[in-house]
C-alpha atoms as a PDB file:
ATOM      1  CA  MET A   1     -11.914  61.974 -81.944  1.00  0.00           C
ATOM      2  CA  GLY A   2     -10.424  65.318 -83.626  1.00  0.00           C
ATOM      3  CA  PHE A   3      -7.584  67.415 -83.417  1.00  0.00           C
ATOM      4  CA  GLU A   4      -8.175  70.819 -81.466  1.00  0.00           C
ATOM      5  CA  THR A   5      -5.394  73.068 -80.589  1.00  0.00           C
ATOM      6  CA  TYR A   6      -5.063  75.093 -77.241  1.00  0.00           C
ATOM      7  CA  TYR A   7      -2.392  77.748 -76.457  1.00  0.00           C
ATOM      8  CA  GLN A   8      -1.201  78.979 -73.065  1.00  0.00           C
ATOM      9  CA  ALA A   9       0.877  81.866 -72.345  1.00  0.00           C
ATOM     10  CA  ILE A  10       3.669  81.099 -69.525  1.00  0.00           C
ATOM     11  CA  PRO A  11       6.704  83.429 -67.976  1.00  0.00           C
ATOM     12  CA  ALA A  12       9.806  83.368 -70.059  1.00  0.00           C
ATOM     13  CA  SER A  13      11.574  82.742 -66.629  1.00  0.00           C
ATOM     14  CA  SER A  14       9.217  79.535 -65.947  1.00  0.00           C
ATOM     15  CA  GLU A  15      10.831  76.371 -64.857  1.00  0.00           C
ATOM     16  CA  LEU A  16       8.131  74.235 -66.255  1.00  0.00           C
ATOM     17  CA  LEU A  17       9.950  73.495 -69.645  1.00  0.00           C
ATOM     18  CA  ASP A  18      13.027  72.299 -67.852  1.00  0.00           C
ATOM     19  CA  VAL A  19      10.965  69.931 -65.254  1.00  0.00           C
ATOM     20  CA  ALA A  20       9.061  68.722 -68.628  1.00  0.00           C
ATOM     21  CA  ARG A  21      12.462  67.961 -70.135  1.00  0.00           C
ATOM     22  CA  GLN A  22      14.368  66.355 -67.134  1.00  0.00           C
ATOM     23  CA  ASP A  23      11.376  64.348 -65.589  1.00  0.00           C
ATOM     24  CA  LEU A  24       9.767  61.908 -67.781  1.00  0.00           C
ATOM     25  CA  GLU A  25       6.755  61.287 -65.827  1.00  0.00           C
ATOM     26  CA  ALA A  26       6.125  65.223 -65.495  1.00  0.00           C
ATOM     27  CA  GLY A  27       6.906  65.453 -69.454  1.00  0.00           C
ATOM     28  CA  GLU A  28       4.357  62.694 -70.093  1.00  0.00           C
ATOM     29  CA  TYR A  29       1.801  64.782 -68.198  1.00  0.00           C
ATOM     30  CA  PHE A  30       2.899  68.183 -69.415  1.00  0.00           C
ATOM     31  CA  TRP A  31      -0.327  68.426 -71.665  1.00  0.00           C
ATOM     32  CA  SER A  32      -2.385  68.871 -68.310  1.00  0.00           C
ATOM     33  CA  VAL A  33      -0.583  72.037 -67.465  1.00  0.00           C
ATOM     34  CA  LEU A  34      -2.760  74.289 -69.878  1.00  0.00           C
ATOM     35  CA  PHE A  35      -5.903  73.100 -67.891  1.00  0.00           C
ATOM     36  CA  MET A  36      -4.077  73.613 -64.699  1.00  0.00           C
ATOM     37  CA  PHE A  37      -3.925  77.288 -65.425  1.00  0.00           C
ATOM     38  CA  ARG A  38      -7.747  77.358 -66.102  1.00  0.00           C
ATOM     39  CA  ALA A  39      -8.521  75.241 -63.153  1.00  0.00           C
ATOM     40  CA  PRO A  40      -5.635  74.780 -60.707  1.00  0.00           C
ATOM     41  CA  ARG A  41      -7.678  72.802 -58.066  1.00  0.00           C
ATOM     42  CA  ILE A  42      -5.900  69.960 -56.592  1.00  0.00           C
ATOM     43  CA  GLU A  43      -8.998  67.820 -56.698  1.00  0.00           C
ATOM     44  CA  HIS A  44      -8.801  67.647 -60.436  1.00  0.00           C
ATOM     45  CA  LEU A  45      -5.545  65.891 -59.993  1.00  0.00           C
ATOM     46  CA  LEU A  46      -6.958  63.279 -57.624  1.00  0.00           C
ATOM     47  CA  SER A  47     -10.142  62.473 -59.514  1.00  0.00           C
ATOM     48  CA  GLY A  48      -8.608  59.708 -61.178  1.00  0.00           C
ATOM     49  CA  GLY A  49      -6.769  57.939 -58.445  1.00  0.00           C
ATOM     50  CA  PRO A  50      -3.557  58.531 -56.419  1.00  0.00           C
ATOM     51  CA  PRO A  51      -1.721  61.749 -57.056  1.00  0.00           C
ATOM     52  CA  ILE A  52       0.822  60.983 -60.107  1.00  0.00           C
ATOM     53  CA  PRO A  53       4.312  62.761 -58.601  1.00  0.00           C
ATOM     54  CA  GLY A  54       5.500  64.279 -61.593  1.00  0.00           C
ATOM     55  CA  GLN A  55       1.922  65.823 -62.561  1.00  0.00           C
ATOM     56  CA  VAL A  56       1.906  67.181 -58.988  1.00  0.00           C
ATOM     57  CA  LYS A  57       5.208  68.694 -59.539  1.00  0.00           C
ATOM     58  CA  LEU A  58       3.909  70.681 -62.387  1.00  0.00           C
ATOM     59  CA  TRP A  59       0.812  71.612 -60.352  1.00  0.00           C
ATOM     60  CA  HIS A  60       2.925  73.366 -57.723  1.00  0.00           C
ATOM     61  CA  LEU A  61       4.742  75.491 -60.511  1.00  0.00           C
ATOM     62  CA  VAL A  62       1.607  76.407 -62.045  1.00  0.00           C
ATOM     63  CA  VAL A  63       0.114  77.570 -58.913  1.00  0.00           C
ATOM     64  CA  GLU A  64       3.036  79.506 -57.931  1.00  0.00           C
ATOM     65  CA  HIS A  65       2.881  81.163 -61.271  1.00  0.00           C
ATOM     66  CA  LEU A  66      -0.722  82.175 -60.487  1.00  0.00           C
ATOM     67  CA  ARG A  67       0.166  83.394 -57.368  1.00  0.00           C
ATOM     68  CA  THR A  68       2.697  85.811 -58.864  1.00  0.00           C
ATOM     69  CA  ARG A  69       0.655  86.216 -62.165  1.00  0.00           C
ATOM     70  CA  PRO A  70      -2.957  85.774 -61.731  1.00  0.00           C
ATOM     71  CA  ASP A  71      -3.798  87.001 -65.213  1.00  0.00           C
ATOM     72  CA  LEU A  72      -1.949  83.814 -66.319  1.00  0.00           C
ATOM     73  CA  GLY A  73      -5.270  81.926 -65.640  1.00  0.00           C
ATOM     74  CA  GLY A  74      -7.053  84.074 -68.681  1.00  0.00           C
ATOM     75  CA  LEU A  75      -4.011  84.063 -71.041  1.00  0.00           C
ATOM     76  CA  ASN A  76      -5.006  81.237 -72.971  1.00  0.00           C
ATOM     77  CA  THR A  77      -7.146  80.606 -76.076  1.00  0.00           C
ATOM     78  CA  THR A  78      -8.230  77.915 -78.410  1.00  0.00           C
ATOM     79  CA  LEU A  79      -9.091  77.290 -81.816  1.00  0.00           C
ATOM     80  CA  ASP A  80     -10.928  74.250 -81.368  1.00  0.00           C
ATOM     81  CA  ARG A  81     -11.055  72.313 -84.735  1.00  0.00           C
ATOM     82  CA  HIS A  82     -10.894  75.609 -86.988  1.00  0.00           C
ATOM     83  CA  TRP A  83      -6.819  75.591 -86.968  1.00  0.00           C
ATOM     84  CA  ASP A  84      -6.511  74.361 -90.293  1.00  0.00           C
ATOM     85  CA  ARG A  85      -9.315  76.662 -91.658  1.00  0.00           C
ATOM     86  CA  LEU A  86      -7.458  79.583 -90.427  1.00  0.00           C
ATOM     87  CA  HIS A  87      -4.120  78.429 -91.435  1.00  0.00           C
ATOM     88  CA  PHE A  88      -5.446  78.316 -94.810  1.00  0.00           C
ATOM     89  CA  VAL A  89      -7.311  81.726 -95.131  1.00  0.00           C
ATOM     90  CA  LEU A  90      -4.200  83.471 -93.500  1.00  0.00           C
ATOM     91  CA  SER A  91      -1.513  81.708 -95.391  1.00  0.00           C
ATOM     92  CA  ALA A  92      -0.536  81.869 -99.140  1.00  0.00           C
ATOM     93  CA  GLU A  93       1.566  78.882 -98.889  1.00  0.00           C
ATOM     94  CA  ARG A  94      -0.845  76.827 -97.037  1.00  0.00           C
ATOM     95  CA  ARG A  95      -3.022  77.607-100.302  1.00  0.00           C
ATOM     96  CA  ASP A  96      -0.295  76.217-102.353  1.00  0.00           C
ATOM     97  CA  GLU A  97       0.296  79.963-103.603  1.00  0.00           C
ATOM     98  CA  SER A  98       3.542  81.763-103.920  1.00  0.00           C
ATOM     99  CA  GLY A  99       4.410  82.240-100.324  1.00  0.00           C
ATOM    100  CA  THR A 100       5.095  85.617 -98.435  1.00  0.00           C
ATOM    101  CA  ASP A 101       7.200  86.982 -95.757  1.00  0.00           C
ATOM    102  CA  GLU A 102       4.396  86.106 -93.316  1.00  0.00           C
ATOM    103  CA  ASP A 103       3.932  82.717 -94.155  1.00  0.00           C
ATOM    104  CA  PRO A 104       6.390  81.115 -91.861  1.00  0.00           C
ATOM    105  CA  LEU A 105       5.113  83.177 -88.886  1.00  0.00           C
ATOM    106  CA  ILE A 106       1.631  82.258 -89.463  1.00  0.00           C
ATOM    107  CA  LYS A 107       2.620  78.547 -89.352  1.00  0.00           C
ATOM    108  CA  LEU A 108       4.501  79.254 -86.138  1.00  0.00           C
ATOM    109  CA  ALA A 109       1.438  81.035 -84.484  1.00  0.00           C
ATOM    110  CA  ILE A 110      -0.969  78.121 -85.380  1.00  0.00           C
ATOM    111  CA  ARG A 111       1.433  75.148 -84.825  1.00  0.00           C
ATOM    112  CA  GLY A 112       4.071  76.393 -82.210  1.00  0.00           C
ATOM    113  CA  GLU A 113       7.967  76.808 -82.873  1.00  0.00           C
ATOM    114  CA  ASP A 114       9.971  73.975 -80.992  1.00  0.00           C
ATOM    115  CA  GLU A 115       9.215  70.848 -79.852  1.00  0.00           C
ATOM    116  CA  ILE A 116       9.806  70.690 -76.080  1.00  0.00           C
ATOM    117  CA  ALA A 117      10.991  67.112 -75.682  1.00  0.00           C
ATOM    118  CA  GLU A 118      10.529  63.572 -77.614  1.00  0.00           C
ATOM    119  CA  HIS A 119       8.386  62.509 -74.761  1.00  0.00           C
ATOM    120  CA  VAL A 120       6.376  65.629 -74.285  1.00  0.00           C
ATOM    121  CA  ARG A 121       3.162  64.687 -76.244  1.00  0.00           C
ATOM    122  CA  GLY A 122      -0.586  64.753 -76.042  1.00  0.00           C
ATOM    123  CA  GLY A 123      -2.759  61.909 -75.792  1.00  0.00           C
ATOM    124  CA  GLN A 124      -3.188  61.351 -79.414  1.00  0.00           C
ATOM    125  CA  GLY A 125       0.888  61.453 -79.895  1.00  0.00           C
ATOM    126  CA  VAL A 126       1.265  64.872 -81.175  1.00  0.00           C
ATOM    127  CA  PRO A 127       4.409  66.935 -79.653  1.00  0.00           C
ATOM    128  CA  LEU A 128       3.845  69.753 -77.639  1.00  0.00           C
ATOM    129  CA  ARG A 129       5.395  72.839 -78.696  1.00  0.00           C
ATOM    130  CA  TYR A 130       6.753  76.327 -77.066  1.00  0.00           C
ATOM    131  CA  THR A 131       7.113  79.298 -78.787  1.00  0.00           C
ATOM    132  CA  ARG A 132       9.773  81.853 -77.250  1.00  0.00           C
ATOM    133  CA  PRO A 133       8.904  85.332 -76.261  1.00  0.00           C
ATOM    134  CA  GLU A 134      10.633  87.007 -79.066  1.00  0.00           C
ATOM    135  CA  THR A 135       8.876  84.941 -81.610  1.00  0.00           C
ATOM    136  CA  VAL A 136       5.589  85.455 -79.681  1.00  0.00           C
ATOM    137  CA  GLY A 137       6.165  89.262 -80.341  1.00  0.00           C
ATOM    138  CA  ARG A 138       6.724  88.975 -84.105  1.00  0.00           C
ATOM    139  CA  ILE A 139       3.551  87.006 -84.185  1.00  0.00           C
ATOM    140  CA  ALA A 140       1.462  89.636 -82.440  1.00  0.00           C
ATOM    141  CA  HIS A 141       2.610  92.261 -84.610  1.00  0.00           C
ATOM    142  CA  MET A 142       2.057  90.537 -87.800  1.00  0.00           C
ATOM    143  CA  LEU A 143      -1.635  89.429 -86.626  1.00  0.00           C
ATOM    144  CA  ASP A 144      -2.281  92.957 -85.868  1.00  0.00           C
ATOM    145  CA  GLY A 145      -1.591  93.970 -89.368  1.00  0.00           C
ATOM    146  CA  VAL A 146      -4.250  91.304 -90.773  1.00  0.00           C
ATOM    147  CA  ARG A 147      -7.176  92.438 -92.613  1.00  0.00           C
ATOM    148  CA  PHE A 148      -9.133  89.653 -91.833  1.00  0.00           C
ATOM    149  CA  GLU A 149     -12.410  90.576 -93.894  1.00  0.00           C
ATOM    150  CA  SER A 150     -10.555  90.700 -97.056  1.00  0.00           C
ATOM    151  CA  LEU A 151      -9.470  86.982 -96.671  1.00  0.00           C
ATOM    152  CA  ARG A 152     -13.201  85.870 -97.057  1.00  0.00           C
ATOM    153  CA  ARG A 153     -12.578  84.805-100.611  1.00  0.00           C
ATOM    154  CA  HIS A 154     -10.603  82.206 -99.791  1.00  0.00           C
ATOM    155  CA  PHE A 155     -13.129  80.538 -97.662  1.00  0.00           C
ATOM    156  CA  THR A 156     -14.891  78.549-100.026  1.00  0.00           C
ATOM    157  CA  ALA A 157     -15.977  75.054 -99.891  1.00  0.00           C
ATOM    158  CA  VAL A 158     -14.255  74.096-103.162  1.00  0.00           C
ATOM    159  CA  ALA A 159     -10.927  75.775-102.213  1.00  0.00           C
ATOM    160  CA  MET A 160     -10.936  74.182 -99.051  1.00  0.00           C
ATOM    161  CA  ASP A 161     -11.669  70.929-100.335  1.00  0.00           C
ATOM    162  CA  GLU A 162      -9.027  71.088-102.840  1.00  0.00           C
ATOM    163  CA  GLY A 163      -6.448  72.055-100.398  1.00  0.00           C
ATOM    164  CA  SER A 164      -7.514  69.094 -97.844  1.00  0.00           C
ATOM    165  CA  VAL A 165      -8.395  71.444 -95.043  1.00  0.00           C
ATOM    166  CA  TYR A 166      -9.052  69.685 -91.883  1.00  0.00           C
ATOM    167  CA  LYS A 167     -12.762  69.733 -90.972  1.00  0.00           C
ATOM    168  CA  HIS A 168     -13.643  71.935 -94.120  1.00  0.00           C
ATOM    169  CA  PRO A 169     -16.951  73.264 -93.677  1.00  0.00           C
ATOM    170  CA  HIS A 170     -20.066  72.261 -95.615  1.00  0.00           C
ATOM    171  CA  PRO A 171     -21.096  74.419 -98.505  1.00  0.00           C
ATOM    172  CA  ALA A 172     -24.641  75.192 -96.778  1.00  0.00           C
ATOM    173  CA  GLN A 173     -22.684  76.358 -93.428  1.00  0.00           C
ATOM    174  CA  LEU A 174     -20.104  78.858 -94.862  1.00  0.00           C
ATOM    175  CA  ASP A 175     -21.350  82.063 -93.693  1.00  0.00           C
ATOM    176  CA  ASP A 176     -21.947  80.973 -90.339  1.00  0.00           C
ATOM    177  CA  ASP A 177     -18.517  79.233 -90.255  1.00  0.00           C
ATOM    178  CA  TRP A 178     -17.066  82.118 -91.444  1.00  0.00           C
ATOM    179  CA  HIS A 179     -18.367  84.375 -89.104  1.00  0.00           C
ATOM    180  CA  ALA A 180     -17.198  81.785 -86.318  1.00  0.00           C
ATOM    181  CA  LEU A 181     -13.845  81.780 -87.520  1.00  0.00           C
ATOM    182  CA  GLN A 182     -13.663  85.524 -87.490  1.00  0.00           C
ATOM    183  CA  GLU A 183     -14.377  85.485 -83.679  1.00  0.00           C
ATOM    184  CA  TYR A 184     -11.748  82.720 -83.360  1.00  0.00           C
ATOM    185  CA  PHE A 185      -9.198  85.010 -85.080  1.00  0.00           C
ATOM    186  CA  GLU A 186     -10.008  87.894 -83.036  1.00  0.00           C
ATOM    187  CA  ARG A 187      -9.404  86.034 -79.853  1.00  0.00           C
ATOM    188  CA  PHE A 188      -6.381  84.613 -81.087  1.00  0.00           C
ATOM    189  CA  ARG A 189      -5.084  88.050 -82.135  1.00  0.00           C
ATOM    190  CA  VAL A 190      -5.756  89.114 -78.636  1.00  0.00           C
ATOM    191  CA  PHE A 191      -4.242  86.448 -77.032  1.00  0.00           C
ATOM    192  CA  TYR A 192      -1.071  86.737 -78.895  1.00  0.00           C
ATOM    193  CA  GLY A 193      -1.134  90.724 -78.196  1.00  0.00           C
ATOM    194  CA  SER A 194      -1.344  90.081 -74.573  1.00  0.00           C
ATOM    195  CA  ALA A 195       1.419  87.392 -74.286  1.00  0.00           C
ATOM    196  CA  ALA A 196       3.821  89.527 -76.320  1.00  0.00           C
ATOM    197  CA  LYS A 197       2.928  92.453 -74.115  1.00  0.00           C
ATOM    198  CA  HIS A 198       4.164  90.420 -70.831  1.00  0.00           C
ATOM    199  CA  ALA A 199       7.026  89.005 -73.077  1.00  0.00           C
ATOM    200  CA  ASP A 200       5.504  85.445 -72.386  1.00  0.00           C
ATOM    201  CA  GLY A 201       6.388  82.217 -74.193  1.00  0.00           C
ATOM    202  CA  VAL A 202       3.402  80.037 -75.424  1.00  0.00           C
ATOM    203  CA  LEU A 203       2.567  76.507 -75.139  1.00  0.00           C
ATOM    204  CA  VAL A 204       0.875  74.713 -77.953  1.00  0.00           C
ATOM    205  CA  HIS A 205      -0.966  71.684 -77.586  1.00  0.00           C
ATOM    206  CA  ARG A 206      -2.803  70.048 -80.511  1.00  0.00           C
ATOM    207  CA  ASP A 207      -4.508  67.137 -79.688  1.00  0.00           C
END
């Protein structure tokens, strides 16, 4: 078991959030929306037994979104278990240094903005969060200004161990893990840029 993070863009006008808040059953299965956008086949809902009405309601909304915006099927990304490593190298505050103006946005980019509702949680009990379109735009602008290679000095085994970074790398793997983190960051940056271009909000699922 471990905590991974997933991100999915959704239209600002989507009814998905309201359904999750108002329908307890839909809210309890809201985490599955992130996977429905990538593989919206009804067979996936039926593989575990009889269909769950609240989840089917979400599925119909996702299918309608994909009908009008097919690009949403690819407007997602993940940081897997690298989310805290990225937070650590990007954020002075996360490193227990003097904070910068960007630190609050960095935290929102990685962890999400607002909890959707008390009952909207992942399998390990972490609340799903929604980041509003206006915040997504600010995050995209901030990420475009990051010169990622300059942050390599923070990516050391000692610093990350002292900072209690989740799943911090072994010293022998630092170079390989740094290159992997660069790739995760680039996909993260492109994702937020694309979501901002469409004025979409972002669902954040850490589980």
